[in-house]
């Protein structure tokens, strides 16, 4: 039973990582350096912690981009 739970958790973790990688591709950042991407994400996390309006603005941009999906 514990083995199944561990396997399910690993599968869920793997799926989340694949989906997050897909966001990088969708944003057009596939060929950027990993250090740049990590730096941008860390900076974003810090800005979002202090600015709710920025969070709302970026959600609107992202929602619009997902609206363009052909899926």
PDB file of N, CA and C in Angstrom:
ATOM      1  N   UNK A   1       0.824  -1.199   0.000  1.00  0.00           N
ATOM      2  CA  UNK A   1       0.000   0.000   0.000  1.00  0.00           C
ATOM      3  C   UNK A   1       0.861   1.252   0.000  1.00  0.00           C
ATOM      4  N   UNK A   2       1.875   1.291   0.842  1.00  0.00           N
ATOM      5  CA  UNK A   2       2.762   2.456   0.909  1.00  0.00           C
ATOM      6  C   UNK A   2       3.483   2.648  -0.414  1.00  0.00           C
ATOM      7  N   UNK A   3       3.812   1.539  -1.089  1.00  0.00           N
ATOM      8  CA  UNK A   3       4.504   1.612  -2.368  1.00  0.00           C
ATOM      9  C   UNK A   3       3.611   2.265  -3.423  1.00  0.00           C
ATOM     10  N   UNK A   4       2.322   1.956  -3.422  1.00  0.00           N
ATOM     11  CA  UNK A   4       1.381   2.558  -4.361  1.00  0.00           C
ATOM     12  C   UNK A   4       1.244   4.054  -4.111  1.00  0.00           C
ATOM     13  N   UNK A   5       1.133   4.425  -2.850  1.00  0.00           N
ATOM     14  CA  UNK A   5       1.007   5.841  -2.495  1.00  0.00           C
ATOM     15  C   UNK A   5       2.245   6.611  -2.936  1.00  0.00           C
ATOM     16  N   UNK A   6       3.429   6.036  -2.721  1.00  0.00           N
ATOM     17  CA  UNK A   6       4.676   6.683  -3.116  1.00  0.00           C
ATOM     18  C   UNK A   6       4.745   6.810  -4.632  1.00  0.00           C
ATOM     19  N   UNK A   7       4.329   5.773  -5.340  1.00  0.00           N
ATOM     20  CA  UNK A   7       4.336   5.795  -6.795  1.00  0.00           C
ATOM     21  C   UNK A   7       3.373   6.855  -7.330  1.00  0.00           C
ATOM     22  N   UNK A   8       2.201   6.935  -6.737  1.00  0.00           N
ATOM     23  CA  UNK A   8       1.227   7.947  -7.151  1.00  0.00           C
ATOM     24  C   UNK A   8       1.754   9.351  -6.909  1.00  0.00           C
ATOM     25  N   UNK A   9       2.415   9.557  -5.784  1.00  0.00           N
ATOM     26  CA  UNK A   9       2.985  10.876  -5.470  1.00  0.00           C
ATOM     27  C   UNK A   9       4.072  11.236  -6.460  1.00  0.00           C
ATOM     28  N   UNK A  10       4.911  10.266  -6.828  1.00  0.00           N
ATOM     29  CA  UNK A  10       5.973  10.529  -7.805  1.00  0.00           C
ATOM     30  C   UNK A  10       5.379  10.865  -9.177  1.00  0.00           C
ATOM     31  N   UNK A  11       4.330  10.159  -9.576  1.00  0.00           N
ATOM     32  CA  UNK A  11       3.678  10.432 -10.859  1.00  0.00           C
ATOM     33  C   UNK A  11       3.077  11.833 -10.872  1.00  0.00           C
ATOM     34  N   UNK A  12       2.442  12.217  -9.766  1.00  0.00           N
ATOM     35  CA  UNK A  12       1.851  13.547  -9.668  1.00  0.00           C
ATOM     36  C   UNK A  12       2.936  14.615  -9.746  1.00  0.00           C
ATOM     37  N   UNK A  13       4.047  14.397  -9.041  1.00  0.00           N
ATOM     38  CA  UNK A  13       5.156  15.345  -9.060  1.00  0.00           C
ATOM     39  C   UNK A  13       5.731  15.478 -10.473  1.00  0.00           C
ATOM     40  N   UNK A  14       5.903  14.353 -11.149  1.00  0.00           N
ATOM     41  CA  UNK A  14       6.432  14.368 -12.509  1.00  0.00           C
ATOM     42  C   UNK A  14       5.496  15.122 -13.445  1.00  0.00           C
ATOM     43  N   UNK A  15       4.209  14.879 -13.335  1.00  0.00           N
ATOM     44  CA  UNK A  15       3.226  15.566 -14.191  1.00  0.00           C
ATOM     45  C   UNK A  15       3.260  17.074 -13.954  1.00  0.00           C
ATOM     46  N   UNK A  16       3.345  17.494 -12.702  1.00  0.00           N
ATOM     47  CA  UNK A  16       3.413  18.929 -12.394  1.00  0.00           C
ATOM     48  C   UNK A  16       4.650  19.562 -13.020  1.00  0.00           C
ATOM     49  N   UNK A  17       5.777  18.886 -12.950  1.00  0.00           N
ATOM     50  CA  UNK A  17       7.014  19.414 -13.528  1.00  0.00           C
ATOM     51  C   UNK A  17       6.914  19.519 -15.051  1.00  0.00           C
ATOM     52  N   UNK A  18       6.310  18.528 -15.669  1.00  0.00           N
ATOM     53  CA  UNK A  18       6.124  18.572 -17.122  1.00  0.00           C
ATOM     54  C   UNK A  18       5.218  19.744 -17.500  1.00  0.00           C
ATOM     55  N   UNK A  19       4.139  19.936 -16.755  1.00  0.00           N
ATOM     56  CA  UNK A  19       3.228  21.050 -17.029  1.00  0.00           C
ATOM     57  C   UNK A  19       3.930  22.396 -16.847  1.00  0.00           C
ATOM     58  N   UNK A  20       4.748  22.527 -15.819  1.00  0.00           N
ATOM     59  CA  UNK A  20       5.481  23.775 -15.599  1.00  0.00           C
ATOM     60  C   UNK A  20       6.467  24.030 -16.731  1.00  0.00           C
ATOM     61  N   UNK A  21       7.118  22.993 -17.218  1.00  0.00           N
ATOM     62  CA  UNK A  21       8.001  23.145 -18.377  1.00  0.00           C
ATOM     63  C   UNK A  21       7.231  23.601 -19.600  1.00  0.00           C
ATOM     64  N   UNK A  22       6.017  23.107 -19.748  1.00  0.00           N
ATOM     65  CA  UNK A  22       5.171  23.529 -20.863  1.00  0.00           C
ATOM     66  C   UNK A  22       4.844  25.011 -20.803  1.00  0.00           C
ATOM     67  N   UNK A  23       4.729  25.551 -19.597  1.00  0.00           N
ATOM     68  CA  UNK A  23       4.485  26.995 -19.461  1.00  0.00           C
ATOM     69  C   UNK A  23       5.665  27.796 -19.975  1.00  0.00           C
ATOM     70  N   UNK A  24       6.880  27.315 -19.709  1.00  0.00           N
ATOM     71  CA  UNK A  24       8.079  27.993 -20.207  1.00  0.00           C
ATOM     72  C   UNK A  24       8.059  28.012 -21.734  1.00  0.00           C
ATOM     73  N   UNK A  25       7.711  26.895 -22.329  1.00  0.00           N
ATOM     74  CA  UNK A  25       7.639  26.811 -23.797  1.00  0.00           C
ATOM     75  C   UNK A  25       6.550  27.737 -24.328  1.00  0.00           C
ATOM     76  N   UNK A  26       5.375  27.706 -23.717  1.00  0.00           N
ATOM     77  CA  UNK A  26       4.252  28.535 -24.176  1.00  0.00           C
ATOM     78  C   UNK A  26       4.590  30.019 -24.091  1.00  0.00           C
ATOM     79  N   UNK A  27       5.386  30.392 -23.105  1.00  0.00           N
ATOM     80  CA  UNK A  27       5.776  31.796 -22.938  1.00  0.00           C
ATOM     81  C   UNK A  27       6.865  32.209 -23.927  1.00  0.00           C
ATOM     82  N   UNK A  28       7.366  31.271 -24.720  1.00  0.00           N
ATOM     83  CA  UNK A  28       8.397  31.596 -25.705  1.00  0.00           C
ATOM     84  C   UNK A  28       9.795  31.691 -25.110  1.00  0.00           C
ATOM     85  N   UNK A  29      10.001  31.008 -23.984  1.00  0.00           N
ATOM     86  CA  UNK A  29      11.281  31.113 -23.279  1.00  0.00           C
ATOM     87  C   UNK A  29      12.095  29.820 -23.322  1.00  0.00           C
ATOM     88  N   UNK A  30      11.762  28.938 -24.225  1.00  0.00           N
ATOM     89  CA  UNK A  30      12.391  27.620 -24.300  1.00  0.00           C
ATOM     90  C   UNK A  30      13.915  27.694 -24.384  1.00  0.00           C
ATOM     91  N   UNK A  31      14.442  28.666 -25.093  1.00  0.00           N
ATOM     92  CA  UNK A  31      15.875  28.691 -25.346  1.00  0.00           C
ATOM     93  C   UNK A  31      16.641  29.653 -24.447  1.00  0.00           C
ATOM     94  N   UNK A  32      15.982  30.187 -23.438  1.00  0.00           N
ATOM     95  CA  UNK A  32      16.671  31.062 -22.487  1.00  0.00           C
ATOM     96  C   UNK A  32      17.485  30.222 -21.507  1.00  0.00           C
ATOM     97  N   UNK A  33      18.499  30.836 -20.943  1.00  0.00           N
ATOM     98  CA  UNK A  33      19.332  30.127 -19.971  1.00  0.00           C
ATOM     99  C   UNK A  33      18.533  29.843 -18.702  1.00  0.00           C
ATOM    100  N   UNK A  34      18.810  28.713 -18.102  1.00  0.00           N
ATOM    101  CA  UNK A  34      18.117  28.323 -16.874  1.00  0.00           C
ATOM    102  C   UNK A  34      18.315  29.345 -15.771  1.00  0.00           C
ATOM    103  N   UNK A  35      19.516  29.916 -15.685  1.00  0.00           N
ATOM    104  CA  UNK A  35      19.785  30.908 -14.637  1.00  0.00           C
ATOM    105  C   UNK A  35      18.904  32.145 -14.830  1.00  0.00           C
ATOM    106  N   UNK A  36      18.681  32.549 -16.069  1.00  0.00           N
ATOM    107  CA  UNK A  36      17.800  33.688 -16.334  1.00  0.00           C
ATOM    108  C   UNK A  36      16.375  33.366 -15.909  1.00  0.00           C
ATOM    109  N   UNK A  37      15.899  32.192 -16.270  1.00  0.00           N
ATOM    110  CA  UNK A  37      14.527  31.799 -15.915  1.00  0.00           C
ATOM    111  C   UNK A  37      14.351  31.731 -14.405  1.00  0.00           C
ATOM    112  N   UNK A  38      15.299  31.133 -13.719  1.00  0.00           N
ATOM    113  CA  UNK A  38      15.196  31.039 -12.270  1.00  0.00           C
ATOM    114  C   UNK A  38      15.251  32.423 -11.637  1.00  0.00           C
ATOM    115  N   UNK A  39      16.146  33.272 -12.120  1.00  0.00           N
ATOM    116  CA  UNK A  39      16.226  34.634 -11.594  1.00  0.00           C
ATOM    117  C   UNK A  39      14.933  35.398 -11.800  1.00  0.00           C
ATOM    118  N   UNK A  40      14.341  35.243 -12.973  1.00  0.00           N
ATOM    119  CA  UNK A  40      13.078  35.927 -13.258  1.00  0.00           C
ATOM    120  C   UNK A  40      11.966  35.425 -12.345  1.00  0.00           C
ATOM    121  N   UNK A  41      11.929  34.127 -12.117  1.00  0.00           N
ATOM    122  CA  UNK A  41      10.895  33.563 -11.250  1.00  0.00           C
ATOM    123  C   UNK A  41      11.085  33.983  -9.797  1.00  0.00           C
ATOM    124  N   UNK A  42      12.318  34.031  -9.335  1.00  0.00           N
ATOM    125  CA  UNK A  42      12.575  34.487  -7.966  1.00  0.00           C
ATOM    126  C   UNK A  42      12.184  35.945  -7.817  1.00  0.00           C
ATOM    127  N   UNK A  43      12.543  36.770  -8.800  1.00  0.00           N
ATOM    128  CA  UNK A  43      12.166  38.179  -8.769  1.00  0.00           C
ATOM    129  C   UNK A  43      10.646  38.323  -8.776  1.00  0.00           C
ATOM    130  N   UNK A  44       9.977  37.540  -9.601  1.00  0.00           N
ATOM    131  CA  UNK A  44       8.521  37.579  -9.671  1.00  0.00           C
ATOM    132  C   UNK A  44       7.906  37.214  -8.327  1.00  0.00           C
ATOM    133  N   UNK A  45       8.407  36.172  -7.695  1.00  0.00           N
ATOM    134  CA  UNK A  45       7.881  35.751  -6.403  1.00  0.00           C
ATOM    135  C   UNK A  45       7.999  36.871  -5.381  1.00  0.00           C
ATOM    136  N   UNK A  46       9.113  37.555  -5.389  1.00  0.00           N
ATOM    137  CA  UNK A  46       9.327  38.653  -4.443  1.00  0.00           C
ATOM    138  C   UNK A  46       8.391  39.830  -4.743  1.00  0.00           C
ATOM    139  N   UNK A  47       8.211  40.155  -6.014  1.00  0.00           N
ATOM    140  CA  UNK A  47       7.314  41.252  -6.374  1.00  0.00           C
ATOM    141  C   UNK A  47       5.862  40.925  -6.043  1.00  0.00           C
ATOM    142  N   UNK A  48       5.454  39.688  -6.286  1.00  0.00           N
ATOM    143  CA  UNK A  48       4.070  39.296  -6.006  1.00  0.00           C
ATOM    144  C   UNK A  48       3.762  39.312  -4.519  1.00  0.00           C
ATOM    145  N   UNK A  49       4.764  39.070  -3.707  1.00  0.00           N
ATOM    146  CA  UNK A  49       4.559  39.082  -2.262  1.00  0.00           C
ATOM    147  C   UNK A  49       4.205  40.477  -1.754  1.00  0.00           C
ATOM    148  N   UNK A  50       4.523  41.502  -2.546  1.00  0.00           N
ATOM    149  CA  UNK A  50       4.319  42.881  -2.099  1.00  0.00           C
ATOM    150  C   UNK A  50       3.336  43.673  -2.946  1.00  0.00           C
ATOM    151  N   UNK A  51       2.813  43.086  -4.019  1.00  0.00           N
ATOM    152  CA  UNK A  51       2.014  43.877  -4.952  1.00  0.00           C
ATOM    153  C   UNK A  51       0.852  43.048  -5.519  1.00  0.00           C
ATOM    154  N   UNK A  52      -0.303  43.145  -4.876  1.00  0.00           N
ATOM    155  CA  UNK A  52      -1.484  42.411  -5.323  1.00  0.00           C
ATOM    156  C   UNK A  52      -1.966  42.838  -6.694  1.00  0.00           C
ATOM    157  N   UNK A  53      -1.777  44.104  -7.033  1.00  0.00           N
ATOM    158  CA  UNK A  53      -2.207  44.593  -8.339  1.00  0.00           C
ATOM    159  C   UNK A  53      -1.380  43.951  -9.455  1.00  0.00           C
ATOM    160  N   UNK A  54      -0.106  43.749  -9.192  1.00  0.00           N
ATOM    161  CA  UNK A  54       0.758  43.085 -10.182  1.00  0.00           C
ATOM    162  C   UNK A  54       0.308  41.650 -10.389  1.00  0.00           C
ATOM    163  N   UNK A  55      -0.080  40.986  -9.320  1.00  0.00           N
ATOM    164  CA  UNK A  55      -0.594  39.616  -9.421  1.00  0.00           C
ATOM    165  C   UNK A  55      -1.830  39.589 -10.332  1.00  0.00           C
ATOM    166  N   UNK A  56      -2.756  40.501 -10.099  1.00  0.00           N
ATOM    167  CA  UNK A  56      -3.985  40.559 -10.905  1.00  0.00           C
ATOM    168  C   UNK A  56      -3.672  40.857 -12.371  1.00  0.00           C
ATOM    169  N   UNK A  57      -2.739  41.763 -12.610  1.00  0.00           N
ATOM    170  CA  UNK A  57      -2.352  42.116 -13.975  1.00  0.00           C
ATOM    171  C   UNK A  57      -1.774  40.905 -14.707  1.00  0.00           C
ATOM    172  N   UNK A  58      -0.914  40.170 -14.035  1.00  0.00           N
ATOM    173  CA  UNK A  58      -0.280  39.013 -14.670  1.00  0.00           C
ATOM    174  C   UNK A  58      -1.255  37.858 -14.860  1.00  0.00           C
ATOM    175  N   UNK A  59      -2.198  37.707 -13.951  1.00  0.00           N
ATOM    176  CA  UNK A  59      -3.236  36.687 -14.126  1.00  0.00           C
ATOM    177  C   UNK A  59      -4.051  36.988 -15.383  1.00  0.00           C
ATOM    178  N   UNK A  60      -4.370  38.256 -15.600  1.00  0.00           N
ATOM    179  CA  UNK A  60      -5.138  38.635 -16.791  1.00  0.00           C
ATOM    180  C   UNK A  60      -4.359  38.315 -18.066  1.00  0.00           C
ATOM    181  N   UNK A  61      -3.069  38.593 -18.063  1.00  0.00           N
ATOM    182  CA  UNK A  61      -2.235  38.289 -19.233  1.00  0.00           C
ATOM    183  C   UNK A  61      -2.199  36.781 -19.476  1.00  0.00           C
ATOM    184  N   UNK A  62      -1.974  36.015 -18.411  1.00  0.00           N
ATOM    185  CA  UNK A  62      -1.907  34.561 -18.542  1.00  0.00           C
ATOM    186  C   UNK A  62      -3.227  33.946 -18.969  1.00  0.00           C
ATOM    187  N   UNK A  63      -4.313  34.458 -18.413  1.00  0.00           N
ATOM    188  CA  UNK A  63      -5.637  33.948 -18.804  1.00  0.00           C
ATOM    189  C   UNK A  63      -5.893  34.193 -20.283  1.00  0.00           C
ATOM    190  N   UNK A  64      -5.467  35.343 -20.764  1.00  0.00           N
ATOM    191  CA  UNK A  64      -5.615  35.634 -22.185  1.00  0.00           C
ATOM    192  C   UNK A  64      -4.793  34.689 -23.047  1.00  0.00           C
ATOM    193  N   UNK A  65      -3.596  34.360 -22.609  1.00  0.00           N
ATOM    194  CA  UNK A  65      -2.741  33.451 -23.362  1.00  0.00           C
ATOM    195  C   UNK A  65      -3.341  32.051 -23.386  1.00  0.00           C
ATOM    196  N   UNK A  66      -3.909  31.591 -22.271  1.00  0.00           N
ATOM    197  CA  UNK A  66      -4.555  30.282 -22.268  1.00  0.00           C
ATOM    198  C   UNK A  66      -5.801  30.302 -23.137  1.00  0.00           C
ATOM    199  N   UNK A  67      -6.450  31.434 -23.263  1.00  0.00           N
ATOM    200  CA  UNK A  67      -7.620  31.549 -24.118  1.00  0.00           C
ATOM    201  C   UNK A  67      -7.304  31.343 -25.579  1.00  0.00           C
ATOM    202  N   UNK A  68      -6.025  31.527 -25.938  1.00  0.00           N
ATOM    203  CA  UNK A  68      -5.595  31.340 -27.327  1.00  0.00           C
ATOM    204  C   UNK A  68      -5.316  29.893 -27.656  1.00  0.00           C
ATOM    205  N   UNK A  69      -5.379  28.997 -26.665  1.00  0.00           N
ATOM    206  CA  UNK A  69      -5.105  27.574 -26.891  1.00  0.00           C
ATOM    207  C   UNK A  69      -6.101  26.999 -27.879  1.00  0.00           C
ATOM    208  N   UNK A  70      -5.618  26.119 -28.718  1.00  0.00           N
ATOM    209  CA  UNK A  70      -6.481  25.418 -29.671  1.00  0.00           C
ATOM    210  C   UNK A  70      -6.947  24.080 -29.109  1.00  0.00           C
ATOM    211  N   UNK A  71      -6.666  23.823 -27.842  1.00  0.00           N
ATOM    212  CA  UNK A  71      -6.999  22.514 -27.256  1.00  0.00           C
ATOM    213  C   UNK A  71      -8.447  22.412 -26.912  1.00  0.00           C
TER     214      UNK A  71
END
